[in-house]
Amino acid sequence: HEKLLAAGADKPAFVFPHALCDELWEASGGWPGILDRIALLALAKA
């Protein structure tokens, strides 16, 4: 959410809801660099 805010999102929880963030956490294992790549790909595919 902080990264989305820095990129200009008014409502980051609408772009990536809390449940979706939990999935990103699980998919990345909590590693920030992996999470960045998964989130970038998810945003591009949507």
PDB file of all heavy atoms in Angstrom:
ATOM      1  N   HIS A   1       0.814  -1.215   0.000  1.00  0.00           N
ATOM      2  CA  HIS A   1       0.000   0.000   0.000  1.00  0.00           C
ATOM      3  C   HIS A   1       0.848   1.266   0.000  1.00  0.00           C
ATOM      4  O   HIS A   1       0.504   2.257  -0.654  1.00  0.00           O
ATOM      5  CB  HIS A   1      -0.965  -0.028   1.186  1.00  0.00           C
ATOM      6  CG  HIS A   1      -2.080  -1.008   1.011  1.00  0.00           C
ATOM      7  ND1 HIS A   1      -2.920  -1.385   2.048  1.00  0.00           N
ATOM      8  CD2 HIS A   1      -2.494  -1.713  -0.078  1.00  0.00           C
ATOM      9  CE1 HIS A   1      -3.814  -2.266   1.593  1.00  0.00           C
ATOM     10  NE2 HIS A   1      -3.570  -2.481   0.311  1.00  0.00           N
ATOM     11  N   GLU A   2       1.967   1.258   0.737  1.00  0.00           N
ATOM     12  CA  GLU A   2       2.834   2.445   0.733  1.00  0.00           C
ATOM     13  C   GLU A   2       3.457   2.662  -0.643  1.00  0.00           C
ATOM     14  O   GLU A   2       3.636   3.795  -1.091  1.00  0.00           O
ATOM     15  CB  GLU A   2       3.927   2.308   1.806  1.00  0.00           C
ATOM     16  CG  GLU A   2       3.389   2.504   3.224  1.00  0.00           C
ATOM     17  CD  GLU A   2       4.509   2.667   4.249  1.00  0.00           C
ATOM     18  OE1 GLU A   2       5.479   3.389   3.936  1.00  0.00           O
ATOM     19  OE2 GLU A   2       4.404   2.064   5.330  1.00  0.00           O
ATOM     20  N   LYS A   3       3.778   1.595  -1.339  1.00  0.00           N
ATOM     21  CA  LYS A   3       4.331   1.737  -2.679  1.00  0.00           C
ATOM     22  C   LYS A   3       3.276   2.270  -3.646  1.00  0.00           C
ATOM     23  O   LYS A   3       3.578   3.083  -4.532  1.00  0.00           O
ATOM     24  CB  LYS A   3       4.887   0.398  -3.175  1.00  0.00           C
ATOM     25  CG  LYS A   3       6.174  -0.017  -2.459  1.00  0.00           C
ATOM     26  CD  LYS A   3       7.071  -0.814  -3.360  1.00  0.00           C
ATOM     27  CE  LYS A   3       8.494  -0.855  -2.834  1.00  0.00           C
ATOM     28  NZ  LYS A   3       9.431  -1.425  -3.799  1.00  0.00           N
ATOM     29  N   LEU A   4       2.053   1.824  -3.485  1.00  0.00           N
ATOM     30  CA  LEU A   4       0.972   2.337  -4.331  1.00  0.00           C
ATOM     31  C   LEU A   4       0.720   3.820  -4.062  1.00  0.00           C
ATOM     32  O   LEU A   4       0.505   4.607  -4.991  1.00  0.00           O
ATOM     33  CB  LEU A   4      -0.305   1.529  -4.097  1.00  0.00           C
ATOM     34  CG  LEU A   4      -0.302   0.094  -4.654  1.00  0.00           C
ATOM     35  CD1 LEU A   4      -1.504  -0.685  -4.128  1.00  0.00           C
ATOM     36  CD2 LEU A   4      -0.307   0.106  -6.184  1.00  0.00           C
ATOM     37  N   LEU A   5       0.750   4.221  -2.791  1.00  0.00           N
ATOM     38  CA  LEU A   5       0.586   5.633  -2.446  1.00  0.00           C
ATOM     39  C   LEU A   5       1.684   6.481  -3.082  1.00  0.00           C
ATOM     40  O   LEU A   5       1.422   7.564  -3.623  1.00  0.00           O
ATOM     41  CB  LEU A   5       0.602   5.817  -0.927  1.00  0.00           C
ATOM     42  CG  LEU A   5      -0.674   5.434  -0.165  1.00  0.00           C
ATOM     43  CD1 LEU A   5      -0.415   5.441   1.332  1.00  0.00           C
ATOM     44  CD2 LEU A   5      -1.812   6.401  -0.513  1.00  0.00           C
ATOM     45  N   ALA A   6       2.923   5.999  -3.046  1.00  0.00           N
ATOM     46  CA  ALA A   6       4.044   6.739  -3.627  1.00  0.00           C
ATOM     47  C   ALA A   6       3.907   6.873  -5.136  1.00  0.00           C
ATOM     48  O   ALA A   6       4.408   7.835  -5.730  1.00  0.00           O
ATOM     49  CB  ALA A   6       5.357   6.045  -3.282  1.00  0.00           C
ATOM     50  N   ALA A   7       3.202   5.935  -5.757  1.00  0.00           N
ATOM     51  CA  ALA A   7       3.012   5.961  -7.210  1.00  0.00           C
ATOM     52  C   ALA A   7       1.774   6.750  -7.627  1.00  0.00           C
ATOM     53  O   ALA A   7       1.470   6.825  -8.813  1.00  0.00           O
ATOM     54  CB  ALA A   7       2.921   4.536  -7.744  1.00  0.00           C
ATOM     55  N   GLY A   8       1.036   7.304  -6.654  1.00  0.00           N
ATOM     56  CA  GLY A   8      -0.092   8.173  -6.986  1.00  0.00           C
ATOM     57  C   GLY A   8      -1.469   7.613  -6.725  1.00  0.00           C
ATOM     58  O   GLY A   8      -2.470   8.275  -7.032  1.00  0.00           O
ATOM     59  N   ALA A   9      -1.567   6.412  -6.150  1.00  0.00           N
ATOM     60  CA  ALA A   9      -2.883   5.818  -5.902  1.00  0.00           C
ATOM     61  C   ALA A   9      -3.584   6.542  -4.753  1.00  0.00           C
ATOM     62  O   ALA A   9      -2.993   6.741  -3.691  1.00  0.00           O
ATOM     63  CB  ALA A   9      -2.738   4.329  -5.574  1.00  0.00           C
ATOM     64  N   ASP A  10      -4.861   6.947  -4.976  1.00  0.00           N
ATOM     65  CA  ASP A  10      -5.633   7.590  -3.910  1.00  0.00           C
ATOM     66  C   ASP A  10      -6.150   6.562  -2.913  1.00  0.00           C
ATOM     67  O   ASP A  10      -6.219   6.829  -1.707  1.00  0.00           O
ATOM     68  CB  ASP A  10      -6.815   8.363  -4.507  1.00  0.00           C
ATOM     69  CG  ASP A  10      -6.360   9.567  -5.311  1.00  0.00           C
ATOM     70  OD1 ASP A  10      -5.298  10.129  -4.967  1.00  0.00           O
ATOM     71  OD2 ASP A  10      -7.044   9.926  -6.281  1.00  0.00           O
ATOM     72  N   LYS A  11      -6.529   5.392  -3.437  1.00  0.00           N
ATOM     73  CA  LYS A  11      -7.095   4.346  -2.585  1.00  0.00           C
ATOM     74  C   LYS A  11      -6.370   3.033  -2.865  1.00  0.00           C
ATOM     75  O   LYS A  11      -6.852   2.181  -3.618  1.00  0.00           O
ATOM     76  CB  LYS A  11      -8.587   4.189  -2.844  1.00  0.00           C
ATOM     77  CG  LYS A  11      -9.391   5.446  -2.514  1.00  0.00           C
ATOM     78  CD  LYS A  11     -10.863   5.235  -2.813  1.00  0.00           C
ATOM     79  CE  LYS A  11     -11.680   6.486  -2.450  1.00  0.00           C
ATOM     80  NZ  LYS A  11     -13.126   6.310  -2.754  1.00  0.00           N
ATOM     81  N   PRO A  12      -5.190   2.861  -2.274  1.00  0.00           N
ATOM     82  CA  PRO A  12      -4.398   1.652  -2.564  1.00  0.00           C
ATOM     83  C   PRO A  12      -5.125   0.366  -2.202  1.00  0.00           C
ATOM     84  O   PRO A  12      -4.934  -0.660  -2.851  1.00  0.00           O
ATOM     85  CB  PRO A  12      -3.135   1.838  -1.720  1.00  0.00           C
ATOM     86  CG  PRO A  12      -3.473   2.881  -0.702  1.00  0.00           C
ATOM     87  CD  PRO A  12      -4.485   3.765  -1.345  1.00  0.00           C
ATOM     88  N   ALA A  13      -5.979   0.401  -1.173  1.00  0.00           N
ATOM     89  CA  ALA A  13      -6.690  -0.814  -0.774  1.00  0.00           C
ATOM     90  C   ALA A  13      -7.734  -1.219  -1.800  1.00  0.00           C
ATOM     91  O   ALA A  13      -8.212  -2.362  -1.782  1.00  0.00           O
ATOM     92  CB  ALA A  13      -7.340  -0.622   0.594  1.00  0.00           C
ATOM     93  N   PHE A  14      -8.099  -0.285  -2.690  1.00  0.00           N
ATOM     94  CA  PHE A  14      -9.017  -0.655  -3.763  1.00  0.00           C
ATOM     95  C   PHE A  14      -8.264  -1.347  -4.896  1.00  0.00           C
ATOM     96  O   PHE A  14      -8.778  -2.289  -5.513  1.00  0.00           O
ATOM     97  CB  PHE A  14      -9.733   0.589  -4.311  1.00  0.00           C
ATOM     98  CG  PHE A  14     -10.622   0.292  -5.490  1.00  0.00           C
ATOM     99  CD1 PHE A  14     -11.783  -0.436  -5.326  1.00  0.00           C
ATOM    100  CD2 PHE A  14     -10.270   0.723  -6.770  1.00  0.00           C
ATOM    101  CE1 PHE A  14     -12.606  -0.735  -6.417  1.00  0.00           C
ATOM    102  CE2 PHE A  14     -11.071   0.433  -7.856  1.00  0.00           C
ATOM    103  CZ  PHE A  14     -12.248  -0.299  -7.682  1.00  0.00           C
ATOM    104  N   VAL A  15      -7.027  -0.880  -5.170  1.00  0.00           N
ATOM    105  CA  VAL A  15      -6.228  -1.503  -6.232  1.00  0.00           C
ATOM    106  C   VAL A  15      -5.780  -2.902  -5.802  1.00  0.00           C
ATOM    107  O   VAL A  15      -5.944  -3.874  -6.532  1.00  0.00           O
ATOM    108  CB  VAL A  15      -4.999  -0.630  -6.566  1.00  0.00           C
ATOM    109  CG1 VAL A  15      -4.196  -1.255  -7.711  1.00  0.00           C
ATOM    110  CG2 VAL A  15      -5.424   0.786  -6.936  1.00  0.00           C
ATOM    111  N   PHE A  16      -5.206  -2.998  -4.630  1.00  0.00           N
ATOM    112  CA  PHE A  16      -4.786  -4.279  -4.062  1.00  0.00           C
ATOM    113  C   PHE A  16      -5.486  -4.448  -2.717  1.00  0.00           C
ATOM    114  O   PHE A  16      -4.990  -4.001  -1.683  1.00  0.00           O
ATOM    115  CB  PHE A  16      -3.267  -4.320  -3.865  1.00  0.00           C
ATOM    116  CG  PHE A  16      -2.461  -4.585  -5.112  1.00  0.00           C
ATOM    117  CD1 PHE A  16      -2.142  -3.563  -5.983  1.00  0.00           C
ATOM    118  CD2 PHE A  16      -2.031  -5.870  -5.414  1.00  0.00           C
ATOM    119  CE1 PHE A  16      -1.398  -3.800  -7.124  1.00  0.00           C
ATOM    120  CE2 PHE A  16      -1.286  -6.122  -6.549  1.00  0.00           C
ATOM    121  CZ  PHE A  16      -0.978  -5.079  -7.413  1.00  0.00           C
ATOM    122  N   PRO A  17      -6.642  -5.096  -2.693  1.00  0.00           N
ATOM    123  CA  PRO A  17      -7.375  -5.294  -1.429  1.00  0.00           C
ATOM    124  C   PRO A  17      -6.532  -6.079  -0.416  1.00  0.00           C
ATOM    125  O   PRO A  17      -5.557  -6.743  -0.767  1.00  0.00           O
ATOM    126  CB  PRO A  17      -8.610  -6.098  -1.857  1.00  0.00           C
ATOM    127  CG  PRO A  17      -8.762  -5.811  -3.316  1.00  0.00           C
ATOM    128  CD  PRO A  17      -7.376  -5.638  -3.845  1.00  0.00           C
ATOM    129  N   HIS A  18      -6.923  -5.993   0.836  1.00  0.00           N
ATOM    130  CA  HIS A  18      -6.175  -6.667   1.901  1.00  0.00           C
ATOM    131  C   HIS A  18      -6.026  -8.163   1.631  1.00  0.00           C
ATOM    132  O   HIS A  18      -4.944  -8.740   1.846  1.00  0.00           O
ATOM    133  CB  HIS A  18      -6.856  -6.446   3.242  1.00  0.00           C
ATOM    134  CG  HIS A  18      -6.697  -5.042   3.740  1.00  0.00           C
ATOM    135  ND1 HIS A  18      -7.223  -4.620   4.946  1.00  0.00           N
ATOM    136  CD2 HIS A  18      -6.087  -3.953   3.212  1.00  0.00           C
ATOM    137  CE1 HIS A  18      -6.937  -3.348   5.134  1.00  0.00           C
ATOM    138  NE2 HIS A  18      -6.244  -2.923   4.085  1.00  0.00           N
ATOM    139  N   ALA A  19      -7.087  -8.807   1.162  1.00  0.00           N
ATOM    140  CA  ALA A  19      -7.014 -10.249   0.901  1.00  0.00           C
ATOM    141  C   ALA A  19      -6.016 -10.549  -0.217  1.00  0.00           C
ATOM    142  O   ALA A  19      -5.293 -11.560  -0.179  1.00  0.00           O
ATOM    143  CB  ALA A  19      -8.394 -10.787   0.539  1.00  0.00           C
ATOM    144  N   LEU A  20      -5.978  -9.641  -1.197  1.00  0.00           N
ATOM    145  CA  LEU A  20      -5.037  -9.825  -2.306  1.00  0.00           C
ATOM    146  C   LEU A  20      -3.593  -9.632  -1.810  1.00  0.00           C
ATOM    147  O   LEU A  20      -2.685 -10.352  -2.215  1.00  0.00           O
ATOM    148  CB  LEU A  20      -5.370  -8.845  -3.425  1.00  0.00           C
ATOM    149  CG  LEU A  20      -4.794  -9.086  -4.833  1.00  0.00           C
ATOM    150  CD1 LEU A  20      -3.363  -8.685  -4.956  1.00  0.00           C
ATOM    151  CD2 LEU A  20      -5.021 -10.529  -5.286  1.00  0.00           C
ATOM    152  N   CYS A  21      -3.410  -8.660  -0.910  1.00  0.00           N
ATOM    153  CA  CYS A  21      -2.080  -8.461  -0.322  1.00  0.00           C
ATOM    154  C   CYS A  21      -1.628  -9.699   0.436  1.00  0.00           C
ATOM    155  O   CYS A  21      -0.439 -10.052   0.422  1.00  0.00           O
ATOM    156  CB  CYS A  21      -2.091  -7.256   0.616  1.00  0.00           C
ATOM    157  SG  CYS A  21      -2.253  -5.665  -0.226  1.00  0.00           S
ATOM    158  N   ASP A  22      -2.574 -10.360   1.112  1.00  0.00           N
ATOM    159  CA  ASP A  22      -2.230 -11.583   1.828  1.00  0.00           C
ATOM    160  C   ASP A  22      -1.769 -12.669   0.858  1.00  0.00           C
ATOM    161  O   ASP A  22      -0.853 -13.437   1.157  1.00  0.00           O
ATOM    162  CB  ASP A  22      -3.437 -12.087   2.627  1.00  0.00           C
ATOM    163  CG  ASP A  22      -3.778 -11.163   3.792  1.00  0.00           C
ATOM    164  OD1 ASP A  22      -2.939 -10.294   4.129  1.00  0.00           O
ATOM    165  OD2 ASP A  22      -4.880 -11.306   4.356  1.00  0.00           O
ATOM    166  N   GLU A  23      -2.400 -12.707  -0.322  1.00  0.00           N
ATOM    167  CA  GLU A  23      -1.966 -13.679  -1.336  1.00  0.00           C
ATOM    168  C   GLU A  23      -0.587 -13.339  -1.866  1.00  0.00           C
ATOM    169  O   GLU A  23       0.241 -14.222  -2.114  1.00  0.00           O
ATOM    170  CB  GLU A  23      -2.979 -13.729  -2.484  1.00  0.00           C
ATOM    171  CG  GLU A  23      -4.249 -14.490  -2.150  1.00  0.00           C
ATOM    172  CD  GLU A  23      -4.893 -15.092  -3.398  1.00  0.00           C
ATOM    173  OE1 GLU A  23      -4.164 -15.689  -4.221  1.00  0.00           O
ATOM    174  OE2 GLU A  23      -6.116 -14.960  -3.533  1.00  0.00           O
ATOM    175  N   LEU A  24      -0.305 -12.038  -2.057  1.00  0.00           N
ATOM    176  CA  LEU A  24       1.021 -11.626  -2.502  1.00  0.00           C
ATOM    177  C   LEU A  24       2.082 -12.016  -1.475  1.00  0.00           C
ATOM    178  O   LEU A  24       3.176 -12.452  -1.830  1.00  0.00           O
ATOM    179  CB  LEU A  24       1.057 -10.106  -2.730  1.00  0.00           C
ATOM    180  CG  LEU A  24       0.254  -9.566  -3.909  1.00  0.00           C
ATOM    181  CD1 LEU A  24       0.280  -8.048  -3.907  1.00  0.00           C
ATOM    182  CD2 LEU A  24       0.801 -10.102  -5.227  1.00  0.00           C
ATOM    183  N   TRP A  25       1.736 -11.857  -0.212  1.00  0.00           N
ATOM    184  CA  TRP A  25       2.658 -12.234   0.854  1.00  0.00           C
ATOM    185  C   TRP A  25       2.949 -13.733   0.813  1.00  0.00           C
ATOM    186  O   TRP A  25       4.105 -14.165   0.895  1.00  0.00           O
ATOM    187  CB  TRP A  25       2.065 -11.848   2.212  1.00  0.00           C
ATOM    188  CG  TRP A  25       2.815 -12.414   3.377  1.00  0.00           C
ATOM    189  CD1 TRP A  25       4.010 -11.983   3.875  1.00  0.00           C
ATOM    190  CD2 TRP A  25       2.424 -13.532   4.181  1.00  0.00           C
ATOM    191  NE1 TRP A  25       4.387 -12.760   4.943  1.00  0.00           N
ATOM    192  CE2 TRP A  25       3.435 -13.714   5.154  1.00  0.00           C
ATOM    193  CE3 TRP A  25       1.315 -14.387   4.177  1.00  0.00           C
ATOM    194  CZ2 TRP A  25       3.366 -14.720   6.113  1.00  0.00           C
ATOM    195  CZ3 TRP A  25       1.252 -15.395   5.127  1.00  0.00           C
ATOM    196  CH2 TRP A  25       2.271 -15.554   6.079  1.00  0.00           C
ATOM    197  N   GLU A  26       1.902 -14.524   0.670  1.00  0.00           N
ATOM    198  CA  GLU A  26       2.081 -15.970   0.633  1.00  0.00           C
ATOM    199  C   GLU A  26       2.867 -16.399  -0.595  1.00  0.00           C
ATOM    200  O   GLU A  26       3.764 -17.249  -0.519  1.00  0.00           O
ATOM    201  CB  GLU A  26       0.713 -16.664   0.642  1.00  0.00           C
ATOM    202  CG  GLU A  26       0.808 -18.181   0.709  1.00  0.00           C
ATOM    203  CD  GLU A  26      -0.574 -18.832   0.785  1.00  0.00           C
ATOM    204  OE1 GLU A  26      -1.576 -18.106   0.974  1.00  0.00           O
ATOM    205  OE2 GLU A  26      -0.643 -20.061   0.650  1.00  0.00           O
ATOM    206  N   ALA A  27       2.561 -15.799  -1.748  1.00  0.00           N
ATOM    207  CA  ALA A  27       3.232 -16.182  -2.991  1.00  0.00           C
ATOM    208  C   ALA A  27       4.704 -15.783  -2.996  1.00  0.00           C
ATOM    209  O   ALA A  27       5.538 -16.463  -3.603  1.00  0.00           O
ATOM    210  CB  ALA A  27       2.529 -15.530  -4.184  1.00  0.00           C
ATOM    211  N   SER A  28       5.048 -14.684  -2.313  1.00  0.00           N
ATOM    212  CA  SER A  28       6.421 -14.182  -2.314  1.00  0.00           C
ATOM    213  C   SER A  28       7.244 -14.699  -1.154  1.00  0.00           C
ATOM    214  O   SER A  28       8.464 -14.485  -1.117  1.00  0.00           O
ATOM    215  CB  SER A  28       6.417 -12.649  -2.257  1.00  0.00           C
ATOM    216  OG  SER A  28       5.892 -12.204  -1.001  1.00  0.00           O
ATOM    217  N   GLY A  29       6.581 -15.339  -0.198  1.00  0.00           N
ATOM    218  CA  GLY A  29       7.292 -15.763   0.998  1.00  0.00           C
ATOM    219  C   GLY A  29       7.686 -14.600   1.894  1.00  0.00           C
ATOM    220  O   GLY A  29       8.456 -14.771   2.824  1.00  0.00           O
ATOM    221  N   GLY A  30       7.171 -13.413   1.582  1.00  0.00           N
ATOM    222  CA  GLY A  30       7.514 -12.228   2.356  1.00  0.00           C
ATOM    223  C   GLY A  30       8.794 -11.545   1.910  1.00  0.00           C
ATOM    224  O   GLY A  30       9.194 -10.539   2.510  1.00  0.00           O
ATOM    225  N   TRP A  31       9.442 -12.027   0.853  1.00  0.00           N
ATOM    226  CA  TRP A  31      10.663 -11.395   0.352  1.00  0.00           C
ATOM    227  C   TRP A  31      10.297 -10.218  -0.543  1.00  0.00           C
ATOM    228  O   TRP A  31       9.577 -10.370  -1.520  1.00  0.00           O
ATOM    229  CB  TRP A  31      11.515 -12.391  -0.422  1.00  0.00           C
ATOM    230  CG  TRP A  31      12.004 -13.550   0.395  1.00  0.00           C
ATOM    231  CD1 TRP A  31      11.692 -14.857   0.230  1.00  0.00           C
ATOM    232  CD2 TRP A  31      12.901 -13.488   1.505  1.00  0.00           C
ATOM    233  NE1 TRP A  31      12.326 -15.635   1.163  1.00  0.00           N
ATOM    234  CE2 TRP A  31      13.082 -14.817   1.961  1.00  0.00           C
ATOM    235  CE3 TRP A  31      13.564 -12.449   2.159  1.00  0.00           C
ATOM    236  CZ2 TRP A  31      13.895 -15.133   3.050  1.00  0.00           C
ATOM    237  CZ3 TRP A  31      14.382 -12.769   3.233  1.00  0.00           C
ATOM    238  CH2 TRP A  31      14.551 -14.086   3.672  1.00  0.00           C
ATOM    239  N   PRO A  32      10.781  -9.017  -0.230  1.00  0.00           N
ATOM    240  CA  PRO A  32      10.307  -7.817  -0.924  1.00  0.00           C
ATOM    241  C   PRO A  32      10.580  -7.808  -2.425  1.00  0.00           C
ATOM    242  O   PRO A  32       9.723  -7.379  -3.213  1.00  0.00           O
ATOM    243  CB  PRO A  32      11.052  -6.674  -0.221  1.00  0.00           C
ATOM    244  CG  PRO A  32      12.175  -7.305   0.512  1.00  0.00           C
ATOM    245  CD  PRO A  32      11.731  -8.679   0.852  1.00  0.00           C
ATOM    246  N   GLY A  33      11.754  -8.270  -2.854  1.00  0.00           N
ATOM    247  CA  GLY A  33      12.048  -8.264  -4.280  1.00  0.00           C
ATOM    248  C   GLY A  33      11.147  -9.192  -5.064  1.00  0.00           C
ATOM    249  O   GLY A  33      10.757  -8.890  -6.200  1.00  0.00           O
ATOM    250  N   ILE A  34      10.811 -10.338  -4.477  1.00  0.00           N
ATOM    251  CA  ILE A  34       9.915 -11.279  -5.149  1.00  0.00           C
ATOM    252  C   ILE A  34       8.496 -10.710  -5.164  1.00  0.00           C
ATOM    253  O   ILE A  34       7.786 -10.798  -6.179  1.00  0.00           O
ATOM    254  CB  ILE A  34       9.951 -12.647  -4.446  1.00  0.00           C
ATOM    255  CG1 ILE A  34      11.369 -13.220  -4.507  1.00  0.00           C
ATOM    256  CG2 ILE A  34       8.953 -13.612  -5.080  1.00  0.00           C
ATOM    257  CD1 ILE A  34      11.557 -14.523  -3.760  1.00  0.00           C
ATOM    258  N   LEU A  35       8.095 -10.103  -4.042  1.00  0.00           N
ATOM    259  CA  LEU A  35       6.765  -9.499  -3.985  1.00  0.00           C
ATOM    260  C   LEU A  35       6.620  -8.413  -5.054  1.00  0.00           C
ATOM    261  O   LEU A  35       5.582  -8.314  -5.716  1.00  0.00           O
ATOM    262  CB  LEU A  35       6.505  -8.926  -2.587  1.00  0.00           C
ATOM    263  CG  LEU A  35       5.070  -8.496  -2.291  1.00  0.00           C
ATOM    264  CD1 LEU A  35       4.768  -8.614  -0.805  1.00  0.00           C
ATOM    265  CD2 LEU A  35       4.785  -7.075  -2.743  1.00  0.00           C
ATOM    266  N   ASP A  36       7.648  -7.582  -5.242  1.00  0.00           N
ATOM    267  CA  ASP A  36       7.613  -6.550  -6.280  1.00  0.00           C
ATOM    268  C   ASP A  36       7.320  -7.151  -7.648  1.00  0.00           C
ATOM    269  O   ASP A  36       6.490  -6.639  -8.410  1.00  0.00           O
ATOM    270  CB  ASP A  36       8.942  -5.796  -6.336  1.00  0.00           C
ATOM    271  CG  ASP A  36       9.096  -4.779  -5.222  1.00  0.00           C
ATOM    272  OD1 ASP A  36       8.069  -4.390  -4.625  1.00  0.00           O
ATOM    273  OD2 ASP A  36      10.234  -4.377  -4.944  1.00  0.00           O
ATOM    274  N   ARG A  37       7.984  -8.221  -7.975  1.00  0.00           N
ATOM    275  CA  ARG A  37       7.820  -8.828  -9.299  1.00  0.00           C
ATOM    276  C   ARG A  37       6.450  -9.457  -9.469  1.00  0.00           C
ATOM    277  O   ARG A  37       5.840  -9.371 -10.533  1.00  0.00           O
ATOM    278  CB  ARG A  37       8.940  -9.857  -9.534  1.00  0.00           C
ATOM    279  CG  ARG A  37      10.266  -9.194  -9.868  1.00  0.00           C
ATOM    280  CD  ARG A  37      11.463 -10.085  -9.604  1.00  0.00           C
ATOM    281  NE  ARG A  37      12.702  -9.475 -10.106  1.00  0.00           N
ATOM    282  CZ  ARG A  37      13.316  -8.453  -9.521  1.00  0.00           C
ATOM    283  NH1 ARG A  37      12.824  -7.935  -8.410  1.00  0.00           N
ATOM    284  NH2 ARG A  37      14.422  -7.943 -10.043  1.00  0.00           N
ATOM    285  N   ILE A  38       5.960 -10.107  -8.431  1.00  0.00           N
ATOM    286  CA  ILE A  38       4.634 -10.725  -8.517  1.00  0.00           C
ATOM    287  C   ILE A  38       3.559  -9.640  -8.645  1.00  0.00           C
ATOM    288  O   ILE A  38       2.619  -9.758  -9.438  1.00  0.00           O
ATOM    289  CB  ILE A  38       4.377 -11.605  -7.282  1.00  0.00           C
ATOM    290  CG1 ILE A  38       5.370 -12.769  -7.233  1.00  0.00           C
ATOM    291  CG2 ILE A  38       2.950 -12.141  -7.291  1.00  0.00           C
ATOM    292  CD1 ILE A  38       5.292 -13.581  -5.957  1.00  0.00           C
ATOM    293  N   ALA A  39       3.697  -8.568  -7.854  1.00  0.00           N
ATOM    294  CA  ALA A  39       2.718  -7.480  -7.903  1.00  0.00           C
ATOM    295  C   ALA A  39       2.749  -6.768  -9.251  1.00  0.00           C
ATOM    296  O   ALA A  39       1.704  -6.414  -9.812  1.00  0.00           O
ATOM    297  CB  ALA A  39       2.982  -6.491  -6.770  1.00  0.00           C
ATOM    298  N   LEU A  40       3.949  -6.545  -9.787  1.00  0.00           N
ATOM    299  CA  LEU A  40       4.073  -5.895 -11.099  1.00  0.00           C
ATOM    300  C   LEU A  40       3.393  -6.740 -12.169  1.00  0.00           C
ATOM    301  O   LEU A  40       2.672  -6.217 -13.036  1.00  0.00           O
ATOM    302  CB  LEU A  40       5.559  -5.702 -11.415  1.00  0.00           C
ATOM    303  CG  LEU A  40       5.932  -4.959 -12.697  1.00  0.00           C
ATOM    304  CD1 LEU A  40       7.265  -4.249 -12.524  1.00  0.00           C
ATOM    305  CD2 LEU A  40       6.017  -5.885 -13.908  1.00  0.00           C
ATOM    306  N   LEU A  41       3.621  -8.044 -12.142  1.00  0.00           N
ATOM    307  CA  LEU A  41       3.019  -8.934 -13.136  1.00  0.00           C
ATOM    308  C   LEU A  41       1.497  -8.980 -12.986  1.00  0.00           C
ATOM    309  O   LEU A  41       0.757  -8.964 -13.987  1.00  0.00           O
ATOM    310  CB  LEU A  41       3.615 -10.336 -12.986  1.00  0.00           C
ATOM    311  CG  LEU A  41       3.177 -11.376 -14.015  1.00  0.00           C
ATOM    312  CD1 LEU A  41       3.533 -10.924 -15.421  1.00  0.00           C
ATOM    313  CD2 LEU A  41       3.833 -12.733 -13.711  1.00  0.00           C
ATOM    314  N   ALA A  42       1.019  -9.031 -11.746  1.00  0.00           N
ATOM    315  CA  ALA A  42      -0.432  -9.048 -11.521  1.00  0.00           C
ATOM    316  C   ALA A  42      -1.076  -7.776 -12.041  1.00  0.00           C
ATOM    317  O   ALA A  42      -2.161  -7.812 -12.647  1.00  0.00           O
ATOM    318  CB  ALA A  42      -0.721  -9.225 -10.032  1.00  0.00           C
ATOM    319  N   LEU A  43      -0.424  -6.634 -11.823  1.00  0.00           N
ATOM    320  CA  LEU A  43      -0.944  -5.354 -12.297  1.00  0.00           C
ATOM    321  C   LEU A  43      -0.970  -5.320 -13.827  1.00  0.00           C
ATOM    322  O   LEU A  43      -1.917  -4.813 -14.437  1.00  0.00           O
ATOM    323  CB  LEU A  43      -0.078  -4.218 -11.740  1.00  0.00           C
ATOM    324  CG  LEU A  43      -0.556  -2.787 -11.943  1.00  0.00           C
ATOM    325  CD1 LEU A  43      -1.921  -2.571 -11.285  1.00  0.00           C
ATOM    326  CD2 LEU A  43       0.459  -1.806 -11.357  1.00  0.00           C
ATOM    327  N   ALA A  44       0.059  -5.870 -14.463  1.00  0.00           N
ATOM    328  CA  ALA A  44       0.123  -5.878 -15.927  1.00  0.00           C
ATOM    329  C   ALA A  44      -0.929  -6.803 -16.539  1.00  0.00           C
ATOM    330  O   ALA A  44      -1.471  -6.528 -17.624  1.00  0.00           O
ATOM    331  CB  ALA A  44       1.513  -6.303 -16.370  1.00  0.00           C
ATOM    332  N   LYS A  45      -1.248  -7.897 -15.867  1.00  0.00           N
ATOM    333  CA  LYS A  45      -2.203  -8.871 -16.405  1.00  0.00           C
ATOM    334  C   LYS A  45      -3.660  -8.452 -16.211  1.00  0.00           C
ATOM    335  O   LYS A  45      -4.545  -8.915 -16.937  1.00  0.00           O
ATOM    336  CB  LYS A  45      -1.978 -10.231 -15.730  1.00  0.00           C
ATOM    337  CG  LYS A  45      -0.672 -10.913 -16.136  1.00  0.00           C
ATOM    338  CD  LYS A  45      -0.338 -12.085 -15.238  1.00  0.00           C
ATOM    339  CE  LYS A  45      -1.425 -13.142 -15.256  1.00  0.00           C
ATOM    340  NZ  LYS A  45      -1.058 -14.319 -14.422  1.00  0.00           N
ATOM    341  N   ALA A  46      -3.902  -7.573 -15.227  1.00  0.00           N
ATOM    342  CA  ALA A  46      -5.288  -7.217 -14.892  1.00  0.00           C
ATOM    343  C   ALA A  46      -5.912  -6.355 -15.989  1.00  0.00           C
ATOM    344  O   ALA A  46      -5.238  -5.552 -16.631  1.00  0.00           O
ATOM    345  CB  ALA A  46      -5.326  -6.485 -13.558  1.00  0.00           C
TER     346      ALA A  46
END
